[in-house]
Amino acid sequence: KRGFARDALVDAGVDVDELSSSLDLQLPKGERPVQVPKLTMCYKRVIELSVNEVNRTRTKPVNTIHLLRAVVREKEGPAAKTLSSFGLNEYNLDEKIPRPQA
């Protein structure tokens, strides 16, 4: 699978297969094949941070890079903690995952 966020993670030196496996172990599994996730405060914060990132960079629409950067900046959720364990945090975010350019 290819995509902006995946490419950015690879460029940042993250083993995306290992990251995917780690996230699979930490994130809850639904009982149905397709389940609408409960919109927790963590998810709401990621959406808010993504929109802020779009407004700050004046790039539209929200894409996977905006979401990835928002997850890292959110810091509290399981995905943010897993990304942190792979060396991505708010202090090196701009270096590792550059902001999209308009």
PDB file of N, CA and C in Angstrom:
ATOM      1  N   LYS A   1       0.842  -1.189   0.000  1.00  0.00           N
ATOM      2  CA  LYS A   1       0.000   0.000   0.000  1.00  0.00           C
ATOM      3  C   LYS A   1       0.880   1.243   0.000  1.00  0.00           C
ATOM      4  N   ARG A   2       0.541   2.203  -0.827  1.00  0.00           N
ATOM      5  CA  ARG A   2       1.309   3.436  -0.929  1.00  0.00           C
ATOM      6  C   ARG A   2       0.416   4.596  -0.528  1.00  0.00           C
ATOM      7  N   GLY A   3       1.017   5.632  -0.046  1.00  0.00           N
ATOM      8  CA  GLY A   3       0.276   6.827   0.314  1.00  0.00           C
ATOM      9  C   GLY A   3       1.223   7.860   0.875  1.00  0.00           C
ATOM     10  N   PHE A   4       0.729   9.089   0.983  1.00  0.00           N
ATOM     11  CA  PHE A   4       1.559  10.184   1.483  1.00  0.00           C
ATOM     12  C   PHE A   4       2.112   9.883   2.872  1.00  0.00           C
ATOM     13  N   ALA A   5       1.247   9.458   3.790  1.00  0.00           N
ATOM     14  CA  ALA A   5       1.692   9.218   5.163  1.00  0.00           C
ATOM     15  C   ALA A   5       2.668   8.051   5.223  1.00  0.00           C
ATOM     16  N   ARG A   6       2.375   6.987   4.486  1.00  0.00           N
ATOM     17  CA  ARG A   6       3.282   5.829   4.475  1.00  0.00           C
ATOM     18  C   ARG A   6       4.657   6.247   3.963  1.00  0.00           C
ATOM     19  N   ASP A   7       4.669   6.990   2.859  1.00  0.00           N
ATOM     20  CA  ASP A   7       5.941   7.451   2.301  1.00  0.00           C
ATOM     21  C   ASP A   7       6.692   8.328   3.292  1.00  0.00           C
ATOM     22  N   ALA A   8       5.962   9.200   3.992  1.00  0.00           N
ATOM     23  CA  ALA A   8       6.591  10.084   4.978  1.00  0.00           C
ATOM     24  C   ALA A   8       7.178   9.278   6.129  1.00  0.00           C
ATOM     25  N   LEU A   9       6.462   8.239   6.571  1.00  0.00           N
ATOM     26  CA  LEU A   9       6.978   7.388   7.645  1.00  0.00           C
ATOM     27  C   LEU A   9       8.237   6.654   7.199  1.00  0.00           C
ATOM     28  N   VAL A  10       8.226   6.126   5.988  1.00  0.00           N
ATOM     29  CA  VAL A  10       9.409   5.434   5.447  1.00  0.00           C
ATOM     30  C   VAL A  10      10.572   6.415   5.369  1.00  0.00           C
ATOM     31  N   ASP A  11      10.313   7.625   4.866  1.00  0.00           N
ATOM     32  CA  ASP A  11      11.364   8.647   4.778  1.00  0.00           C
ATOM     33  C   ASP A  11      11.908   9.016   6.153  1.00  0.00           C
ATOM     34  N   ALA A  12      11.055   8.891   7.192  1.00  0.00           N
ATOM     35  CA  ALA A  12      11.470   9.204   8.559  1.00  0.00           C
ATOM     36  C   ALA A  12      12.202   8.035   9.215  1.00  0.00           C
ATOM     37  N   GLY A  13      12.351   6.932   8.469  1.00  0.00           N
ATOM     38  CA  GLY A  13      13.090   5.795   8.988  1.00  0.00           C
ATOM     39  C   GLY A  13      12.260   4.811   9.783  1.00  0.00           C
ATOM     40  N   VAL A  14      10.937   4.893   9.668  1.00  0.00           N
ATOM     41  CA  VAL A  14      10.045   3.996  10.413  1.00  0.00           C
ATOM     42  C   VAL A  14       9.794   2.739   9.591  1.00  0.00           C
ATOM     43  N   ASP A  15       9.902   1.585  10.232  1.00  0.00           N
ATOM     44  CA  ASP A  15       9.543   0.310   9.607  1.00  0.00           C
ATOM     45  C   ASP A  15       8.019   0.223   9.651  1.00  0.00           C
ATOM     46  N   VAL A  16       7.357   0.511   8.535  1.00  0.00           N
ATOM     47  CA  VAL A  16       5.899   0.610   8.536  1.00  0.00           C
ATOM     48  C   VAL A  16       5.215  -0.736   8.781  1.00  0.00           C
ATOM     49  N   ASP A  17       5.837  -1.827   8.397  1.00  0.00           N
ATOM     50  CA  ASP A  17       5.248  -3.136   8.683  1.00  0.00           C
ATOM     51  C   ASP A  17       5.269  -3.413  10.185  1.00  0.00           C
ATOM     52  N   GLU A  18       6.368  -3.082  10.834  1.00  0.00           N
ATOM     53  CA  GLU A  18       6.477  -3.249  12.283  1.00  0.00           C
ATOM     54  C   GLU A  18       5.502  -2.310  12.996  1.00  0.00           C
ATOM     55  N   LEU A  19       5.380  -1.083  12.508  1.00  0.00           N
ATOM     56  CA  LEU A  19       4.430  -0.126  13.078  1.00  0.00           C
ATOM     57  C   LEU A  19       3.008  -0.652  12.949  1.00  0.00           C
ATOM     58  N   SER A  20       2.664  -1.154  11.788  1.00  0.00           N
ATOM     59  CA  SER A  20       1.326  -1.697  11.555  1.00  0.00           C
ATOM     60  C   SER A  20       1.028  -2.855  12.501  1.00  0.00           C
ATOM     61  N   SER A  21       1.985  -3.750  12.668  1.00  0.00           N
ATOM     62  CA  SER A  21       1.809  -4.884  13.586  1.00  0.00           C
ATOM     63  C   SER A  21       1.640  -4.407  15.024  1.00  0.00           C
ATOM     64  N   SER A  22       2.420  -3.420  15.404  1.00  0.00           N
ATOM     65  CA  SER A  22       2.332  -2.869  16.754  1.00  0.00           C
ATOM     66  C   SER A  22       0.972  -2.228  16.997  1.00  0.00           C
ATOM     67  N   LEU A  23       0.487  -1.472  16.032  1.00  0.00           N
ATOM     68  CA  LEU A  23      -0.831  -0.844  16.168  1.00  0.00           C
ATOM     69  C   LEU A  23      -1.939  -1.891  16.212  1.00  0.00           C
ATOM     70  N   ASP A  24      -1.819  -2.938  15.394  1.00  0.00           N
ATOM     71  CA  ASP A  24      -2.812  -4.005  15.406  1.00  0.00           C
ATOM     72  C   ASP A  24      -2.941  -4.641  16.782  1.00  0.00           C
ATOM     73  N   LEU A  25      -1.828  -4.770  17.489  1.00  0.00           N
ATOM     74  CA  LEU A  25      -1.856  -5.365  18.821  1.00  0.00           C
ATOM     75  C   LEU A  25      -2.484  -4.439  19.865  1.00  0.00           C
ATOM     76  N   GLN A  26      -2.360  -3.133  19.678  1.00  0.00           N
ATOM     77  CA  GLN A  26      -2.811  -2.176  20.681  1.00  0.00           C
ATOM     78  C   GLN A  26      -4.232  -1.678  20.485  1.00  0.00           C
ATOM     79  N   LEU A  27      -4.661  -1.569  19.249  1.00  0.00           N
ATOM     80  CA  LEU A  27      -5.970  -0.986  18.997  1.00  0.00           C
ATOM     81  C   LEU A  27      -7.055  -2.042  19.130  1.00  0.00           C
ATOM     82  N   PRO A  28      -8.218  -1.649  19.670  1.00  0.00           N
ATOM     83  CA  PRO A  28      -9.289  -2.626  19.889  1.00  0.00           C
ATOM     84  C   PRO A  28      -9.829  -3.167  18.573  1.00  0.00           C
ATOM     85  N   LYS A  29     -10.231  -4.401  18.610  1.00  0.00           N
ATOM     86  CA  LYS A  29     -10.815  -5.048  17.439  1.00  0.00           C
ATOM     87  C   LYS A  29     -12.334  -5.006  17.560  1.00  0.00           C
ATOM     88  N   GLY A  30     -12.999  -4.742  16.453  1.00  0.00           N
ATOM     89  CA  GLY A  30     -14.460  -4.773  16.426  1.00  0.00           C
ATOM     90  C   GLY A  30     -14.942  -6.192  16.250  1.00  0.00           C
ATOM     91  N   GLU A  31     -16.156  -6.438  16.701  1.00  0.00           N
ATOM     92  CA  GLU A  31     -16.713  -7.782  16.546  1.00  0.00           C
ATOM     93  C   GLU A  31     -17.302  -7.985  15.154  1.00  0.00           C
ATOM     94  N   ARG A  32     -17.695  -6.896  14.511  1.00  0.00           N
ATOM     95  CA  ARG A  32     -18.229  -6.978  13.162  1.00  0.00           C
ATOM     96  C   ARG A  32     -17.112  -6.646  12.181  1.00  0.00           C
ATOM     97  N   PRO A  33     -17.220  -7.127  10.921  1.00  0.00           N
ATOM     98  CA  PRO A  33     -16.177  -6.817   9.942  1.00  0.00           C
ATOM     99  C   PRO A  33     -15.983  -5.316   9.732  1.00  0.00           C
ATOM    100  N   VAL A  34     -17.064  -4.561   9.703  1.00  0.00           N
ATOM    101  CA  VAL A  34     -16.975  -3.120   9.547  1.00  0.00           C
ATOM    102  C   VAL A  34     -17.683  -2.493  10.731  1.00  0.00           C
ATOM    103  N   GLN A  35     -16.968  -1.680  11.469  1.00  0.00           N
ATOM    104  CA  GLN A  35     -17.538  -1.064  12.655  1.00  0.00           C
ATOM    105  C   GLN A  35     -17.191   0.420  12.661  1.00  0.00           C
ATOM    106  N   VAL A  36     -18.171   1.238  12.909  1.00  0.00           N
ATOM    107  CA  VAL A  36     -17.931   2.672  13.017  1.00  0.00           C
ATOM    108  C   VAL A  36     -17.294   2.920  14.378  1.00  0.00           C
ATOM    109  N   PRO A  37     -16.091   3.513  14.399  1.00  0.00           N
ATOM    110  CA  PRO A  37     -15.430   3.725  15.686  1.00  0.00           C
ATOM    111  C   PRO A  37     -16.169   4.762  16.530  1.00  0.00           C
ATOM    112  N   LYS A  38     -16.123   4.552  17.821  1.00  0.00           N
ATOM    113  CA  LYS A  38     -16.680   5.528  18.747  1.00  0.00           C
ATOM    114  C   LYS A  38     -15.799   6.776  18.677  1.00  0.00           C
ATOM    115  N   LEU A  39     -16.427   7.927  18.535  1.00  0.00           N
ATOM    116  CA  LEU A  39     -15.674   9.168  18.409  1.00  0.00           C
ATOM    117  C   LEU A  39     -15.282   9.647  19.804  1.00  0.00           C
ATOM    118  N   THR A  40     -14.103   9.240  20.234  1.00  0.00           N
ATOM    119  CA  THR A  40     -13.608   9.597  21.559  1.00  0.00           C
ATOM    120  C   THR A  40     -13.011  10.999  21.521  1.00  0.00           C
ATOM    121  N   MET A  41     -12.677  11.511  22.677  1.00  0.00           N
ATOM    122  CA  MET A  41     -12.030  12.822  22.755  1.00  0.00           C
ATOM    123  C   MET A  41     -10.697  12.801  22.001  1.00  0.00           C
ATOM    124  N   CYS A  42     -10.026  11.678  22.034  1.00  0.00           N
ATOM    125  CA  CYS A  42      -8.755  11.528  21.314  1.00  0.00           C
ATOM    126  C   CYS A  42      -8.979  11.716  19.818  1.00  0.00           C
ATOM    127  N   TYR A  43      -9.971  11.022  19.262  1.00  0.00           N
ATOM    128  CA  TYR A  43     -10.272  11.152  17.833  1.00  0.00           C
ATOM    129  C   TYR A  43     -10.686  12.577  17.494  1.00  0.00           C
ATOM    130  N   LYS A  44     -11.516  13.165  18.341  1.00  0.00           N
ATOM    131  CA  LYS A  44     -11.965  14.539  18.107  1.00  0.00           C
ATOM    132  C   LYS A  44     -10.777  15.498  18.090  1.00  0.00           C
ATOM    133  N   ARG A  45      -9.836  15.285  18.995  1.00  0.00           N
ATOM    134  CA  ARG A  45      -8.660  16.141  19.062  1.00  0.00           C
ATOM    135  C   ARG A  45      -7.804  15.991  17.802  1.00  0.00           C
ATOM    136  N   VAL A  46      -7.664  14.766  17.298  1.00  0.00           N
ATOM    137  CA  VAL A  46      -6.897  14.531  16.072  1.00  0.00           C
ATOM    138  C   VAL A  46      -7.552  15.251  14.895  1.00  0.00           C
ATOM    139  N   ILE A  47      -8.855  15.184  14.808  1.00  0.00           N
ATOM    140  CA  ILE A  47      -9.562  15.878  13.723  1.00  0.00           C
ATOM    141  C   ILE A  47      -9.341  17.381  13.833  1.00  0.00           C
ATOM    142  N   GLU A  48      -9.475  17.898  15.052  1.00  0.00           N
ATOM    143  CA  GLU A  48      -9.253  19.334  15.281  1.00  0.00           C
ATOM    144  C   GLU A  48      -7.829  19.744  14.900  1.00  0.00           C
ATOM    145  N   LEU A  49      -6.854  18.965  15.327  1.00  0.00           N
ATOM    146  CA  LEU A  49      -5.457  19.268  15.005  1.00  0.00           C
ATOM    147  C   LEU A  49      -5.185  19.168  13.503  1.00  0.00           C
ATOM    148  N   SER A  50      -5.855  18.237  12.828  1.00  0.00           N
ATOM    149  CA  SER A  50      -5.707  18.106  11.372  1.00  0.00           C
ATOM    150  C   SER A  50      -6.217  19.348  10.659  1.00  0.00           C
ATOM    151  N   VAL A  51      -7.374  19.816  11.084  1.00  0.00           N
ATOM    152  CA  VAL A  51      -7.942  21.024  10.482  1.00  0.00           C
ATOM    153  C   VAL A  51      -7.037  22.218  10.769  1.00  0.00           C
ATOM    154  N   ASN A  52      -6.503  22.302  11.989  1.00  0.00           N
ATOM    155  CA  ASN A  52      -5.561  23.375  12.313  1.00  0.00           C
ATOM    156  C   ASN A  52      -4.335  23.326  11.415  1.00  0.00           C
ATOM    157  N   GLU A  53      -3.847  22.122  11.147  1.00  0.00           N
ATOM    158  CA  GLU A  53      -2.679  21.933  10.274  1.00  0.00           C
ATOM    159  C   GLU A  53      -2.988  22.414   8.855  1.00  0.00           C
ATOM    160  N   VAL A  54      -4.177  22.095   8.355  1.00  0.00           N
ATOM    161  CA  VAL A  54      -4.602  22.548   7.030  1.00  0.00           C
ATOM    162  C   VAL A  54      -4.649  24.076   6.995  1.00  0.00           C
ATOM    163  N   ASN A  55      -5.238  24.675   8.016  1.00  0.00           N
ATOM    164  CA  ASN A  55      -5.337  26.135   8.063  1.00  0.00           C
ATOM    165  C   ASN A  55      -3.960  26.786   8.167  1.00  0.00           C
ATOM    166  N   ARG A  56      -3.086  26.196   8.958  1.00  0.00           N
ATOM    167  CA  ARG A  56      -1.737  26.748   9.150  1.00  0.00           C
ATOM    168  C   ARG A  56      -0.920  26.685   7.852  1.00  0.00           C
ATOM    169  N   THR A  57      -1.046  25.580   7.120  1.00  0.00           N
ATOM    170  CA  THR A  57      -0.246  25.395   5.909  1.00  0.00           C
ATOM    171  C   THR A  57      -0.964  25.878   4.647  1.00  0.00           C
ATOM    172  N   ARG A  58      -2.239  26.190   4.801  1.00  0.00           N
ATOM    173  CA  ARG A  58      -3.069  26.631   3.668  1.00  0.00           C
ATOM    174  C   ARG A  58      -3.053  25.599   2.546  1.00  0.00           C
ATOM    175  N   THR A  59      -3.114  24.343   2.947  1.00  0.00           N
ATOM    176  CA  THR A  59      -3.203  23.235   1.998  1.00  0.00           C
ATOM    177  C   THR A  59      -4.531  22.533   2.227  1.00  0.00           C
ATOM    178  N   LYS A  60      -5.244  22.282   1.172  1.00  0.00           N
ATOM    179  CA  LYS A  60      -6.541  21.617   1.281  1.00  0.00           C
ATOM    180  C   LYS A  60      -6.592  20.516   0.245  1.00  0.00           C
ATOM    181  N   PRO A  61      -7.350  19.498   0.470  1.00  0.00           N
ATOM    182  CA  PRO A  61      -8.114  19.151   1.657  1.00  0.00           C
ATOM    183  C   PRO A  61      -7.232  18.476   2.697  1.00  0.00           C
ATOM    184  N   VAL A  62      -7.832  18.071   3.812  1.00  0.00           N
ATOM    185  CA  VAL A  62      -7.099  17.308   4.819  1.00  0.00           C
ATOM    186  C   VAL A  62      -6.644  16.009   4.151  1.00  0.00           C
ATOM    187  N   ASN A  63      -5.356  15.700   4.285  1.00  0.00           N
ATOM    188  CA  ASN A  63      -4.858  14.443   3.723  1.00  0.00           C
ATOM    189  C   ASN A  63      -4.179  13.623   4.820  1.00  0.00           C
ATOM    190  N   THR A  64      -3.605  12.504   4.418  1.00  0.00           N
ATOM    191  CA  THR A  64      -3.028  11.596   5.416  1.00  0.00           C
ATOM    192  C   THR A  64      -1.838  12.199   6.153  1.00  0.00           C
ATOM    193  N   ILE A  65      -1.102  13.105   5.518  1.00  0.00           N
ATOM    194  CA  ILE A  65       0.014  13.768   6.213  1.00  0.00           C
ATOM    195  C   ILE A  65      -0.528  14.652   7.332  1.00  0.00           C
ATOM    196  N   HIS A  66      -1.597  15.403   7.061  1.00  0.00           N
ATOM    197  CA  HIS A  66      -2.212  16.225   8.106  1.00  0.00           C
ATOM    198  C   HIS A  66      -2.660  15.349   9.276  1.00  0.00           C
ATOM    199  N   LEU A  67      -3.288  14.229   8.949  1.00  0.00           N
ATOM    200  CA  LEU A  67      -3.774  13.320   9.999  1.00  0.00           C
ATOM    201  C   LEU A  67      -2.611  12.709  10.776  1.00  0.00           C
ATOM    202  N   LEU A  68      -1.573  12.279  10.078  1.00  0.00           N
ATOM    203  CA  LEU A  68      -0.407  11.691  10.742  1.00  0.00           C
ATOM    204  C   LEU A  68       0.231  12.702  11.689  1.00  0.00           C
ATOM    205  N   ARG A  69       0.429  13.927  11.207  1.00  0.00           N
ATOM    206  CA  ARG A  69       1.021  14.969  12.056  1.00  0.00           C
ATOM    207  C   ARG A  69       0.117  15.252  13.266  1.00  0.00           C
ATOM    208  N   ALA A  70      -1.195  15.226  13.049  1.00  0.00           N
ATOM    209  CA  ALA A  70      -2.139  15.474  14.146  1.00  0.00           C
ATOM    210  C   ALA A  70      -2.080  14.354  15.182  1.00  0.00           C
ATOM    211  N   VAL A  71      -1.973  13.113  14.726  1.00  0.00           N
ATOM    212  CA  VAL A  71      -1.881  11.984  15.672  1.00  0.00           C
ATOM    213  C   VAL A  71      -0.633  12.139  16.532  1.00  0.00           C
ATOM    214  N   VAL A  72       0.493  12.479  15.924  1.00  0.00           N
ATOM    215  CA  VAL A  72       1.735  12.661  16.684  1.00  0.00           C
ATOM    216  C   VAL A  72       1.571  13.794  17.697  1.00  0.00           C
ATOM    217  N   ARG A  73       0.974  14.899  17.277  1.00  0.00           N
ATOM    218  CA  ARG A  73       0.817  16.060  18.161  1.00  0.00           C
ATOM    219  C   ARG A  73      -0.208  15.820  19.270  1.00  0.00           C
ATOM    220  N   GLU A  74      -1.135  14.891  19.044  1.00  0.00           N
ATOM    221  CA  GLU A  74      -2.168  14.606  20.049  1.00  0.00           C
ATOM    222  C   GLU A  74      -1.560  14.002  21.317  1.00  0.00           C
ATOM    223  N   LYS A  75      -0.583  13.138  21.198  1.00  0.00           N
ATOM    224  CA  LYS A  75       0.262  12.586  22.272  1.00  0.00           C
ATOM    225  C   LYS A  75      -0.373  11.548  23.197  1.00  0.00           C
ATOM    226  N   GLU A  76      -1.672  11.534  23.390  1.00  0.00           N
ATOM    227  CA  GLU A  76      -2.272  10.690  24.431  1.00  0.00           C
ATOM    228  C   GLU A  76      -2.842   9.357  23.953  1.00  0.00           C
ATOM    229  N   GLY A  77      -3.274   9.276  22.720  1.00  0.00           N
ATOM    230  CA  GLY A  77      -3.933   8.065  22.229  1.00  0.00           C
ATOM    231  C   GLY A  77      -2.948   6.943  21.956  1.00  0.00           C
ATOM    232  N   PRO A  78      -3.476   5.732  21.764  1.00  0.00           N
ATOM    233  CA  PRO A  78      -2.597   4.588  21.506  1.00  0.00           C
ATOM    234  C   PRO A  78      -1.771   4.745  20.236  1.00  0.00           C
ATOM    235  N   ALA A  79      -2.324   5.340  19.200  1.00  0.00           N
ATOM    236  CA  ALA A  79      -1.555   5.530  17.965  1.00  0.00           C
ATOM    237  C   ALA A  79      -0.413   6.517  18.195  1.00  0.00           C
ATOM    238  N   ALA A  80      -0.687   7.599  18.920  1.00  0.00           N
ATOM    239  CA  ALA A  80       0.355   8.593  19.216  1.00  0.00           C
ATOM    240  C   ALA A  80       1.474   7.970  20.043  1.00  0.00           C
ATOM    241  N   LYS A  81       1.101   7.170  21.017  1.00  0.00           N
ATOM    242  CA  LYS A  81       2.107   6.531  21.872  1.00  0.00           C
ATOM    243  C   LYS A  81       2.935   5.525  21.074  1.00  0.00           C
ATOM    244  N   THR A  82       2.286   4.809  20.167  1.00  0.00           N
ATOM    245  CA  THR A  82       3.015   3.855  19.332  1.00  0.00           C
ATOM    246  C   THR A  82       3.965   4.588  18.399  1.00  0.00           C
ATOM    247  N   LEU A  83       3.501   5.673  17.771  1.00  0.00           N
ATOM    248  CA  LEU A  83       4.380   6.457  16.907  1.00  0.00           C
ATOM    249  C   LEU A  83       5.556   7.013  17.698  1.00  0.00           C
ATOM    250  N   SER A  84       5.304   7.421  18.930  1.00  0.00           N
ATOM    251  CA  SER A  84       6.378   7.924  19.792  1.00  0.00           C
ATOM    252  C   SER A  84       7.416   6.829  20.056  1.00  0.00           C
ATOM    253  N   SER A  85       6.941   5.606  20.251  1.00  0.00           N
ATOM    254  CA  SER A  85       7.878   4.497  20.489  1.00  0.00           C
ATOM    255  C   SER A  85       8.728   4.207  19.251  1.00  0.00           C
ATOM    256  N   PHE A  86       8.271   4.674  18.079  1.00  0.00           N
ATOM    257  CA  PHE A  86       9.032   4.536  16.842  1.00  0.00           C
ATOM    258  C   PHE A  86       9.860   5.787  16.558  1.00  0.00           C
ATOM    259  N   GLY A  87       9.933   6.688  17.537  1.00  0.00           N
ATOM    260  CA  GLY A  87      10.799   7.848  17.416  1.00  0.00           C
ATOM    261  C   GLY A  87      10.162   9.099  16.857  1.00  0.00           C
ATOM    262  N   LEU A  88       8.848   9.098  16.668  1.00  0.00           N
ATOM    263  CA  LEU A  88       8.169  10.299  16.168  1.00  0.00           C
ATOM    264  C   LEU A  88       7.476  10.995  17.323  1.00  0.00           C
ATOM    265  N   ASN A  89       7.842  12.247  17.539  1.00  0.00           N
ATOM    266  CA  ASN A  89       7.213  13.013  18.613  1.00  0.00           C
ATOM    267  C   ASN A  89       7.105  14.470  18.191  1.00  0.00           C
ATOM    268  N   GLU A  90       6.453  15.268  19.042  1.00  0.00           N
ATOM    269  CA  GLU A  90       6.217  16.672  18.677  1.00  0.00           C
ATOM    270  C   GLU A  90       7.516  17.460  18.524  1.00  0.00           C
ATOM    271  N   TYR A  91       8.586  16.998  19.129  1.00  0.00           N
ATOM    272  CA  TYR A  91       9.856  17.731  19.080  1.00  0.00           C
ATOM    273  C   TYR A  91      10.618  17.522  17.771  1.00  0.00           C
ATOM    274  N   ASN A  92      10.431  16.353  17.137  1.00  0.00           N
ATOM    275  CA  ASN A  92      11.135  16.113  15.876  1.00  0.00           C
ATOM    276  C   ASN A  92      10.174  15.996  14.693  1.00  0.00           C
ATOM    277  N   LEU A  93       8.920  16.354  14.920  1.00  0.00           N
ATOM    278  CA  LEU A  93       7.889  16.176  13.896  1.00  0.00           C
ATOM    279  C   LEU A  93       8.210  16.924  12.609  1.00  0.00           C
ATOM    280  N   ASP A  94       8.558  18.198  12.709  1.00  0.00           N
ATOM    281  CA  ASP A  94       8.830  18.976  11.497  1.00  0.00           C
ATOM    282  C   ASP A  94      10.032  18.436  10.726  1.00  0.00           C
ATOM    283  N   GLU A  95      10.996  17.897  11.441  1.00  0.00           N
ATOM    284  CA  GLU A  95      12.177  17.308  10.805  1.00  0.00           C
ATOM    285  C   GLU A  95      11.824  15.977  10.131  1.00  0.00           C
ATOM    286  N   LYS A  96      11.068  15.135  10.833  1.00  0.00           N
ATOM    287  CA  LYS A  96      10.778  13.790  10.346  1.00  0.00           C
ATOM    288  C   LYS A  96       9.632  13.753   9.342  1.00  0.00           C
ATOM    289  N   ILE A  97       8.562  14.511   9.617  1.00  0.00           N
ATOM    290  CA  ILE A  97       7.391  14.538   8.754  1.00  0.00           C
ATOM    291  C   ILE A  97       7.096  15.989   8.398  1.00  0.00           C
ATOM    292  N   PRO A  98       7.724  16.496   7.337  1.00  0.00           N
ATOM    293  CA  PRO A  98       7.538  17.907   6.977  1.00  0.00           C
ATOM    294  C   PRO A  98       6.074  18.248   6.696  1.00  0.00           C
ATOM    295  N   ARG A  99       5.719  19.483   6.982  1.00  0.00           N
ATOM    296  CA  ARG A  99       4.366  19.959   6.695  1.00  0.00           C
ATOM    297  C   ARG A  99       4.138  19.988   5.195  1.00  0.00           C
ATOM    298  N   PRO A 100       2.911  19.678   4.774  1.00  0.00           N
ATOM    299  CA  PRO A 100       2.588  19.814   3.348  1.00  0.00           C
ATOM    300  C   PRO A 100       2.736  21.281   2.926  1.00  0.00           C
ATOM    301  N   GLN A 101       3.153  21.480   1.704  1.00  0.00           N
ATOM    302  CA  GLN A 101       3.326  22.827   1.179  1.00  0.00           C
ATOM    303  C   GLN A 101       2.172  23.169   0.242  1.00  0.00           C
ATOM    304  N   ALA A 102       1.776  24.438   0.283  1.00  0.00           N
ATOM    305  CA  ALA A 102       0.681  24.906  -0.580  1.00  0.00           C
ATOM    306  C   ALA A 102       1.129  24.970  -2.019  1.00  0.00           C
TER     307      ALA A 102
END
